[in-house]
Protein backbone atom coordinates (compact mmCIF):
# COMPACT_ATOMS: atom_id res chain seq x y z
CA UNK A 1 -15.67 60.98 18.93
CA UNK A 2 -16.65 60.00 15.38
CA UNK A 3 -13.09 60.57 14.28
CA UNK A 4 -11.82 58.24 17.04
CA UNK A 5 -14.22 55.52 15.92
CA UNK A 6 -13.02 55.92 12.33
CA UNK A 7 -9.42 55.78 13.52
CA UNK A 8 -10.08 52.64 15.58
CA UNK A 9 -11.95 51.06 12.68
CA UNK A 10 -9.12 51.96 10.30
CA UNK A 11 -6.54 50.57 12.75
CA UNK A 12 -8.47 47.33 13.24
CA UNK A 13 -8.84 46.93 9.47
CA UNK A 14 -5.09 47.50 9.01
CA UNK A 15 -4.31 44.93 11.68
CA UNK A 16 -6.71 42.43 10.10
CA UNK A 17 -5.29 43.03 6.62
CA UNK A 18 -1.75 42.66 7.98
CA UNK A 19 -2.76 39.45 9.72
CA UNK A 20 -4.33 38.12 6.54
CA UNK A 21 -1.25 39.03 4.50
CA UNK A 22 1.03 37.49 7.13
CA UNK A 23 -1.14 34.38 7.48
CA UNK A 24 -1.24 34.13 3.69
CA UNK A 25 2.57 34.17 3.63
CA UNK A 26 2.71 31.63 6.44
CA UNK A 27 0.11 29.49 4.68
CA UNK A 28 2.12 29.74 1.48
CA UNK A 29 5.30 28.73 3.31
CA UNK A 30 3.56 25.81 5.03
CA UNK A 31 1.97 24.80 1.75
CA UNK A 32 5.37 24.90 0.00
CA UNK A 33 6.96 22.80 2.76
CA UNK A 34 4.12 20.29 2.56
CA UNK A 35 4.56 20.11 -1.21
CA UNK A 36 8.30 19.52 -0.74
CA UNK A 37 7.59 16.68 1.72
CA UNK A 38 5.06 15.17 -0.70
CA UNK A 39 7.61 15.39 -3.53
CA UNK A 40 10.25 13.79 -1.30
CA UNK A 41 7.80 10.99 -0.46
CA UNK A 42 6.95 10.52 -4.15
CA UNK A 43 10.67 10.33 -4.96
CA UNK A 44 11.11 7.86 -2.10
CA UNK A 45 8.17 5.72 -3.26
CA UNK A 46 9.46 5.88 -6.82
CA UNK A 47 12.89 4.66 -5.76
CA UNK A 48 11.46 1.84 -3.58
CA UNK A 49 9.28 0.57 -6.42
CA UNK A 50 11.76 0.81 -9.30
CA UNK A 51 12.18 -2.55 -11.01
CA UNK A 52 15.94 -2.30 -10.40
CA UNK A 53 15.65 -1.61 -6.65
CA UNK A 54 17.64 -4.32 -4.78
CA UNK A 55 17.78 -6.91 -7.57
CA UNK A 56 17.73 -10.60 -6.70
CA UNK A 57 15.18 -13.38 -6.55
CA UNK A 58 12.60 -12.32 -3.95
CA UNK A 59 10.08 -14.81 -2.57
CA UNK A 60 6.85 -13.48 -1.10
CA UNK A 61 5.02 -16.14 0.93
CA UNK A 62 1.38 -15.56 1.89
CA UNK A 63 -0.93 -17.90 3.85
CA UNK A 64 -4.64 -17.40 4.50
CA UNK A 65 -7.02 -18.55 7.22
CA UNK A 66 -10.64 -18.14 6.20
CA UNK A 67 -13.66 -17.33 8.34
CA UNK A 68 -15.59 -20.44 9.45
CA UNK A 69 -18.50 -19.72 7.09
CA UNK A 70 -16.34 -19.64 3.91
CA UNK A 71 -16.91 -22.77 1.82
CA UNK A 72 -14.63 -24.64 -0.57
CA UNK A 73 -16.18 -22.99 -3.63
CA UNK A 74 -15.22 -19.56 -2.28
CA UNK A 75 -11.73 -20.80 -1.35
CA UNK A 76 -11.26 -22.17 -4.87
CA UNK A 77 -12.30 -18.77 -6.27
CA UNK A 78 -9.66 -17.10 -4.07
CA UNK A 79 -7.02 -19.52 -5.39
CA UNK A 80 -7.98 -18.88 -9.03
CA UNK A 81 -8.05 -15.11 -8.52
CA UNK A 82 -4.67 -15.17 -6.79
CA UNK A 83 -3.10 -17.28 -9.55
CA UNK A 84 -4.57 -14.89 -12.15
CA UNK A 85 -2.41 -12.10 -10.68
CA UNK A 86 0.54 -13.62 -12.59
CA UNK A 87 -0.88 -12.13 -15.81
CA UNK A 88 -3.06 -9.33 -14.38
CA UNK A 89 -0.20 -7.62 -12.55
CA UNK A 90 1.63 -5.49 -15.10
CA UNK A 91 3.87 -2.48 -15.12
CA UNK A 92 4.67 -0.62 -18.31
CA UNK A 93 2.35 -3.06 -20.08
CA UNK A 94 4.35 -6.17 -19.13
CA UNK A 95 3.85 -8.81 -16.42
CA UNK A 96 6.55 -8.59 -13.75
CA UNK A 97 5.75 -11.57 -11.50
CA UNK A 98 8.11 -14.43 -12.34
CA UNK A 99 5.88 -17.16 -10.85
CA UNK A 100 3.04 -17.90 -8.45
CA UNK A 101 2.62 -21.28 -6.76
CA UNK A 102 -0.32 -22.29 -4.58
CA UNK A 103 -1.18 -25.14 -2.27
CA UNK A 104 -3.39 -26.23 0.60
CA UNK A 105 -1.92 -26.84 4.06
CA UNK A 106 -0.99 -30.48 4.64
CA UNK A 107 1.61 -30.42 7.41
CA UNK A 108 1.22 -32.76 10.39
CA UNK A 109 3.43 -30.55 12.60
CA UNK A 110 0.54 -28.46 13.90
CA UNK A 111 2.46 -25.20 13.38
CA UNK A 112 0.28 -23.80 10.59
CA UNK A 113 -1.72 -21.59 12.99
CA UNK A 114 -4.88 -22.65 11.18
CA UNK A 115 -3.78 -21.21 7.83
CA UNK A 116 -5.48 -23.19 5.06
CA UNK A 117 -3.78 -22.18 1.81
CA UNK A 118 -0.43 -20.72 0.90
CA UNK A 119 1.06 -18.90 -2.07
CA UNK A 120 4.65 -18.34 -3.09
CA UNK A 121 5.12 -15.36 -5.39
CA UNK A 122 8.52 -14.80 -7.02
CA UNK A 123 9.92 -11.45 -8.20
CA UNK A 124 13.22 -10.39 -9.76
CA UNK A 125 13.77 -7.53 -7.28
CA UNK A 126 12.57 -5.95 -4.06
CA UNK A 127 11.32 -3.05 -6.19
CA UNK A 128 8.94 -5.35 -8.07
CA UNK A 129 7.79 -6.87 -4.78
CA UNK A 130 7.28 -3.40 -3.27
CA UNK A 131 5.25 -2.30 -6.30
CA UNK A 132 3.14 -5.46 -5.99
CA UNK A 133 2.54 -5.18 -2.23
CA UNK A 134 1.68 -1.47 -2.11
CA UNK A 135 0.13 -0.86 1.31
CA UNK A 136 1.32 -0.48 3.99
CA UNK A 137 4.61 0.64 2.39
CA UNK A 138 2.95 2.85 -0.25
CA UNK A 139 -0.17 4.90 0.62
CA UNK A 140 -3.24 4.10 -1.49
CA UNK A 141 -3.27 7.72 -2.68
CA UNK A 142 0.08 7.15 -4.48
CA UNK A 143 -1.45 5.25 -7.42
CA UNK A 144 1.71 5.44 -9.56
CA UNK A 145 3.67 3.31 -7.12
CA UNK A 146 1.64 0.14 -6.55
CA UNK A 147 -0.22 -2.46 -8.57
CA UNK A 148 -3.97 -1.78 -8.80
CA UNK A 149 -4.72 -5.43 -9.70
CA UNK A 150 -3.17 -6.65 -6.44
CA UNK A 151 -4.98 -3.95 -4.44
CA UNK A 152 -8.25 -5.10 -6.00
CA UNK A 153 -7.47 -8.70 -5.01
CA UNK A 154 -6.69 -7.68 -1.41
CA UNK A 155 -10.04 -5.88 -1.19
CA UNK A 156 -11.76 -9.00 -2.58
CA UNK A 157 -10.11 -11.49 -0.21
CA UNK A 158 -10.02 -9.35 2.95
CA UNK A 159 -13.67 -9.88 3.98
CA UNK A 160 -13.27 -13.66 3.60
CA UNK A 161 -10.37 -13.92 6.06
CA UNK A 162 -10.42 -14.58 9.78
CA UNK A 163 -10.46 -11.36 11.79
CA UNK A 164 -8.46 -9.54 12.74
CA UNK A 165 -6.90 -10.14 9.34
CA UNK A 166 -3.42 -9.53 10.74
CA UNK A 167 -2.23 -11.72 12.43
CA UNK A 168 -5.00 -14.33 12.40
CA UNK A 169 -6.27 -14.29 8.81
CA UNK A 170 -3.05 -13.76 6.88
CA UNK A 171 0.64 -14.49 7.31
CA UNK A 172 3.27 -12.91 5.06
CA UNK A 173 6.98 -13.70 4.95
CA UNK A 174 9.41 -12.35 2.35
CA UNK A 175 13.02 -13.24 1.70
CA UNK A 176 15.69 -12.76 -0.97
CA UNK A 177 17.55 -15.87 -2.08
CA UNK A 178 21.14 -15.89 -0.93
CA UNK A 179 20.80 -12.93 1.45
C-alpha cells in the first residue's frame, strides 16, 4: 500500500512537472508572440510618426468649447499655453510645428456648435502631425512616438472643456493642402 502511494505521488509529481515544463514552453511561445506584436506596433508607430511620412502641408484645426464656469482669464491662459506649443514641441531638439494661429469665434452663421476659440496648427507632413497628436493613434505607453509637451497641454486643457470632451468640448479637423 505504501509503495502504491509513493507511485501515485511520483506519478502526480511527474505530471505536474510535465505540465509546468509544457506551460513554461507555452508561456514562452505566447510571450515571444506578444513581443513580436509589440515590436510590429513599435515599427508601425515609428513609421507613422517619421517626419517624412506623407509629406505635404498639413493643417490641424482644433476648436474648444469651455465649461460654463471657465472665465476669460482661464481662456486666455489656454490660448497662451497653446501658442507656446510652437516652441515647446520639439523632436530631435528642433521645433517641428511650422505655425500656430489662434482666434475667438466670431461667425454669425450659428454653425459653431458653441465652440469659443479655434487654432490652426501647420505641419510639413502627416508624420509630424501624428507625432504631435499622439493619442488616440499612439498609445501613451509608446513615449518615443508622440510629443510629451502636447500631451501635457491636453491634460491641462481637458478638465476645462465641456463634457463629454468629444464631441461637445473639442472639434478637430485635419487636411493636407492639395489632396
